[in-house]
């Protein structure tokens, strides 16, 4: 049975490491991905390239 879920990588740079307010214009939305594993691998690849402690990404999922 195939899932109808789609996965998105969302994130960007925040004003500080409390991660409460995103820096204006820095948000990213990458996707959709039909496969969670691919979304996770892509997210890891992105975060490994990040040079700032104020940048955070996560995976969001559309409900089925």
Protein backbone atom coordinates (compact mmCIF):
# COMPACT_ATOMS: atom_id res chain seq x y z
CA UNK A 1 0.00 0.00 0.00
CA UNK A 2 1.46 3.33 -1.08
CA UNK A 3 1.35 6.28 1.30
CA UNK A 4 -0.04 9.57 0.07
CA UNK A 5 2.15 11.49 2.48
CA UNK A 6 4.54 14.14 1.28
CA UNK A 7 7.57 15.31 3.25
CA UNK A 8 9.09 18.79 3.31
CA UNK A 9 12.34 20.12 4.71
CA UNK A 10 11.73 23.46 6.40
CA UNK A 11 14.04 25.78 8.26
CA UNK A 12 16.54 28.55 7.93
CA UNK A 13 18.54 30.96 10.05
CA UNK A 14 17.20 32.26 13.33
CA UNK A 15 18.09 35.51 15.09
CA UNK A 16 19.77 33.59 17.93
CA UNK A 17 20.17 30.09 19.31
CA UNK A 18 16.89 30.21 21.23
CA UNK A 19 15.28 29.48 17.82
CA UNK A 20 12.25 31.65 18.52
CA UNK A 21 12.42 34.16 15.66
CA UNK A 22 13.62 33.38 12.19
CA UNK A 23 15.82 35.96 10.51
CA UNK A 24 13.75 37.80 7.93
CA UNK A 25 14.11 36.33 4.45
CA UNK A 26 16.12 33.30 5.53
CA UNK A 27 13.42 30.62 5.48
CA UNK A 28 13.72 27.60 3.20
CA UNK A 29 11.11 25.07 2.10
CA UNK A 30 12.51 22.13 0.15
CA UNK A 31 10.36 19.42 -1.33
CA UNK A 32 8.04 17.73 -1.56
CA UNK A 33 9.53 14.28 -1.13
CA UNK A 34 7.37 11.19 -1.55
CA UNK A 35 9.81 9.12 0.51
CA UNK A 36 10.71 9.91 4.14
CA UNK A 37 14.13 8.27 3.86
CA UNK A 38 15.06 10.53 0.96
CA UNK A 39 13.83 13.57 2.88
CA UNK A 40 15.93 12.53 5.90
CA UNK A 41 19.06 11.96 3.81
CA UNK A 42 18.60 15.31 2.08
CA UNK A 43 18.04 17.09 5.40
CA UNK A 44 21.22 15.54 6.85
CA UNK A 45 23.15 16.60 3.76
CA UNK A 46 21.92 20.18 4.12
CA UNK A 47 22.66 20.41 7.83
CA UNK A 48 26.17 18.98 7.41
CA UNK A 49 27.01 21.95 5.19
CA UNK A 50 25.73 24.53 7.68
CA UNK A 51 28.39 26.71 9.29
CA UNK A 52 26.15 28.58 11.75
CA UNK A 53 24.72 27.44 15.10
CA UNK A 54 21.67 29.63 14.38
CA UNK A 55 20.49 27.50 11.44
CA UNK A 56 17.98 24.72 11.98
CA UNK A 57 16.07 22.42 9.63
CA UNK A 58 13.39 19.85 10.29
CA UNK A 59 11.11 17.55 8.33
CA UNK A 60 7.40 18.25 8.15
CA UNK A 61 4.83 15.82 6.79
CA UNK A 62 1.51 16.40 5.06
CA UNK A 63 -1.20 14.28 6.66
CA UNK A 64 -2.33 11.30 4.61
